[in-house]
Amino acid sequence: MSRKACGFKQRDIARAVRGAEAAGVKIGRVEIEPNTGRIAIVPAGVSSNDGELDRELAEFEARHGQS
């Protein structure tokens, strides 16, 4: 059985984390898809069940004082 080459390297993760921190993002967790090499930075306070639309709606409501 042969192994497939890894889609990411430790330096790729470190670079993504440093970039997010430099942008002022407080990191909650880092998700990595080993098959594709996709690295996702999830900000602190974001639930894994929240979708992009849910986050945008929550931000909109926070800005406009709606509940």
N, C-alpha and C. Protein backbone atom coordinates (compact mmCIF):
# COMPACT_ATOMS: atom_id res chain seq x y z
N MET A 1 0.84 -1.16 0.00
CA MET A 1 0.00 0.00 0.00
C MET A 1 0.90 1.24 0.00
N SER A 2 0.67 2.12 -0.95
CA SER A 2 1.46 3.35 -1.01
C SER A 2 0.68 4.49 -0.38
N ARG A 3 1.43 5.40 0.20
CA ARG A 3 0.81 6.56 0.84
C ARG A 3 0.85 7.75 -0.10
N LYS A 4 -0.22 8.52 -0.07
CA LYS A 4 -0.31 9.73 -0.87
C LYS A 4 0.47 10.84 -0.17
N ALA A 5 1.09 11.69 -0.94
CA ALA A 5 1.84 12.81 -0.38
C ALA A 5 0.89 13.73 0.37
N CYS A 6 1.35 14.26 1.46
CA CYS A 6 0.55 15.16 2.29
C CYS A 6 0.28 16.45 1.52
N GLY A 7 -0.96 16.97 1.63
CA GLY A 7 -1.34 18.17 0.90
C GLY A 7 -0.94 19.47 1.58
N PHE A 8 -0.34 19.38 2.75
CA PHE A 8 0.07 20.59 3.47
C PHE A 8 1.30 20.29 4.29
N LYS A 9 1.96 21.34 4.71
CA LYS A 9 3.16 21.22 5.55
C LYS A 9 2.95 22.05 6.81
N GLN A 10 3.74 21.76 7.83
CA GLN A 10 3.66 22.49 9.09
C GLN A 10 3.83 23.99 8.85
N ARG A 11 4.72 24.35 7.95
CA ARG A 11 4.95 25.78 7.70
C ARG A 11 3.71 26.45 7.08
N ASP A 12 2.91 25.67 6.32
CA ASP A 12 1.67 26.23 5.76
C ASP A 12 0.70 26.59 6.87
N ILE A 13 0.60 25.73 7.87
CA ILE A 13 -0.30 25.98 9.00
C ILE A 13 0.20 27.18 9.79
N ALA A 14 1.49 27.20 10.07
CA ALA A 14 2.08 28.31 10.83
C ALA A 14 1.87 29.64 10.10
N ARG A 15 2.02 29.64 8.80
CA ARG A 15 1.84 30.86 8.01
C ARG A 15 0.38 31.33 8.09
N ALA A 16 -0.56 30.39 7.99
CA ALA A 16 -1.98 30.75 8.07
C ALA A 16 -2.33 31.32 9.44
N VAL A 17 -1.81 30.71 10.49
CA VAL A 17 -2.08 31.18 11.85
C VAL A 17 -1.47 32.57 12.06
N ARG A 18 -0.23 32.76 11.65
CA ARG A 18 0.41 34.07 11.80
C ARG A 18 -0.35 35.14 11.03
N GLY A 19 -0.81 34.81 9.84
CA GLY A 19 -1.57 35.77 9.03
C GLY A 19 -2.88 36.15 9.69
N ALA A 20 -3.58 35.16 10.24
CA ALA A 20 -4.85 35.44 10.92
C ALA A 20 -4.61 36.31 12.15
N GLU A 21 -3.59 35.98 12.93
CA GLU A 21 -3.28 36.76 14.12
C GLU A 21 -2.88 38.18 13.75
N ALA A 22 -2.12 38.34 12.69
CA ALA A 22 -1.71 39.67 12.24
C ALA A 22 -2.91 40.50 11.80
N ALA A 23 -3.97 39.83 11.33
CA ALA A 23 -5.19 40.52 10.91
C ALA A 23 -6.12 40.79 12.09
N GLY A 24 -5.70 40.38 13.29
CA GLY A 24 -6.50 40.65 14.48
C GLY A 24 -7.54 39.59 14.78
N VAL A 25 -7.45 38.44 14.14
CA VAL A 25 -8.40 37.36 14.37
C VAL A 25 -7.96 36.56 15.59
N LYS A 26 -8.87 36.41 16.56
CA LYS A 26 -8.59 35.56 17.71
C LYS A 26 -8.98 34.14 17.30
N ILE A 27 -8.00 33.26 17.24
CA ILE A 27 -8.20 31.92 16.69
C ILE A 27 -8.86 31.00 17.71
N GLY A 28 -9.96 30.39 17.28
CA GLY A 28 -10.63 29.40 18.10
C GLY A 28 -10.09 28.01 17.84
N ARG A 29 -9.91 27.71 16.55
CA ARG A 29 -9.35 26.41 16.16
C ARG A 29 -8.90 26.48 14.71
N VAL A 30 -8.10 25.49 14.35
CA VAL A 30 -7.64 25.35 12.98
C VAL A 30 -8.15 24.01 12.47
N GLU A 31 -8.82 24.02 11.32
CA GLU A 31 -9.32 22.79 10.72
C GLU A 31 -8.49 22.50 9.48
N ILE A 32 -8.11 21.23 9.33
CA ILE A 32 -7.29 20.82 8.20
C ILE A 32 -7.95 19.62 7.53
N GLU A 33 -8.11 19.69 6.23
CA GLU A 33 -8.60 18.56 5.46
C GLU A 33 -7.38 17.89 4.82
N PRO A 34 -6.97 16.75 5.36
CA PRO A 34 -5.75 16.10 4.88
C PRO A 34 -5.78 15.72 3.41
N ASN A 35 -6.95 15.38 2.89
CA ASN A 35 -7.02 14.94 1.50
C ASN A 35 -6.79 16.08 0.51
N THR A 36 -7.26 17.27 0.86
CA THR A 36 -7.13 18.40 -0.05
C THR A 36 -6.05 19.39 0.35
N GLY A 37 -5.64 19.35 1.64
CA GLY A 37 -4.67 20.32 2.12
C GLY A 37 -5.30 21.63 2.52
N ARG A 38 -6.62 21.69 2.52
CA ARG A 38 -7.34 22.91 2.89
C ARG A 38 -7.13 23.20 4.38
N ILE A 39 -6.75 24.44 4.68
CA ILE A 39 -6.55 24.89 6.05
C ILE A 39 -7.56 25.98 6.32
N ALA A 40 -8.39 25.80 7.36
CA ALA A 40 -9.41 26.79 7.70
C ALA A 40 -9.16 27.29 9.11
N ILE A 41 -9.11 28.60 9.26
CA ILE A 41 -8.97 29.23 10.57
C ILE A 41 -10.39 29.60 11.02
N VAL A 42 -10.80 29.06 12.17
CA VAL A 42 -12.11 29.36 12.72
C VAL A 42 -11.92 30.31 13.90
N PRO A 43 -12.50 31.50 13.81
CA PRO A 43 -12.34 32.47 14.89
C PRO A 43 -12.94 31.98 16.20
N ALA A 44 -12.41 32.46 17.31
CA ALA A 44 -12.93 32.12 18.64
C ALA A 44 -14.37 32.60 18.73
N GLY A 45 -15.19 31.82 19.41
CA GLY A 45 -16.58 32.21 19.61
C GLY A 45 -17.52 31.81 18.49
N VAL A 46 -17.02 31.14 17.46
CA VAL A 46 -17.87 30.70 16.36
C VAL A 46 -18.16 29.23 16.56
N SER A 47 -19.42 28.89 16.65
CA SER A 47 -19.82 27.49 16.81
C SER A 47 -19.63 26.75 15.51
N SER A 48 -19.29 25.47 15.59
CA SER A 48 -19.11 24.68 14.38
C SER A 48 -20.42 24.48 13.65
N ASN A 49 -21.56 24.72 14.31
CA ASN A 49 -22.87 24.57 13.67
C ASN A 49 -23.30 25.84 12.94
N ASP A 50 -22.62 26.94 13.18
CA ASP A 50 -22.98 28.20 12.53
C ASP A 50 -22.52 28.16 11.08
N GLY A 51 -23.42 28.50 10.19
CA GLY A 51 -23.06 28.62 8.78
C GLY A 51 -22.65 30.05 8.49
N GLU A 52 -22.16 30.30 7.32
CA GLU A 52 -21.74 31.65 6.93
C GLU A 52 -22.91 32.62 7.03
N LEU A 53 -24.07 32.21 6.57
CA LEU A 53 -25.24 33.07 6.63
C LEU A 53 -25.65 33.38 8.06
N ASP A 54 -25.57 32.37 8.94
CA ASP A 54 -25.90 32.58 10.34
C ASP A 54 -24.96 33.61 10.98
N ARG A 55 -23.67 33.53 10.67
CA ARG A 55 -22.71 34.48 11.21
C ARG A 55 -23.00 35.89 10.71
N GLU A 56 -23.29 36.02 9.41
CA GLU A 56 -23.58 37.33 8.86
C GLU A 56 -24.83 37.92 9.48
N LEU A 57 -25.86 37.09 9.69
CA LEU A 57 -27.09 37.56 10.31
C LEU A 57 -26.84 38.02 11.74
N ALA A 58 -26.06 37.26 12.50
CA ALA A 58 -25.74 37.64 13.88
C ALA A 58 -24.97 38.95 13.91
N GLU A 59 -24.02 39.14 13.00
CA GLU A 59 -23.26 40.39 12.94
C GLU A 59 -24.17 41.56 12.58
N PHE A 60 -25.07 41.34 11.62
CA PHE A 60 -26.01 42.39 11.21
C PHE A 60 -26.89 42.79 12.39
N GLU A 61 -27.44 41.79 13.09
CA GLU A 61 -28.31 42.09 14.22
C GLU A 61 -27.55 42.81 15.33
N ALA A 62 -26.30 42.44 15.54
CA ALA A 62 -25.49 43.10 16.57
C ALA A 62 -25.25 44.57 16.20
N ARG A 63 -25.01 44.84 14.94
CA ARG A 63 -24.76 46.21 14.50
C ARG A 63 -26.02 47.07 14.57
N HIS A 64 -27.18 46.46 14.30
CA HIS A 64 -28.41 47.23 14.20
C HIS A 64 -29.32 47.07 15.41
N GLY A 65 -28.85 46.41 16.45
CA GLY A 65 -29.60 46.31 17.70
C GLY A 65 -30.88 45.50 17.62
N GLN A 66 -30.94 44.56 16.70
CA GLN A 66 -32.13 43.71 16.59
C GLN A 66 -31.89 42.40 17.32
N SER A 67 -32.97 41.74 17.71
CA SER A 67 -32.81 40.44 18.37
C SER A 67 -33.67 39.39 17.74
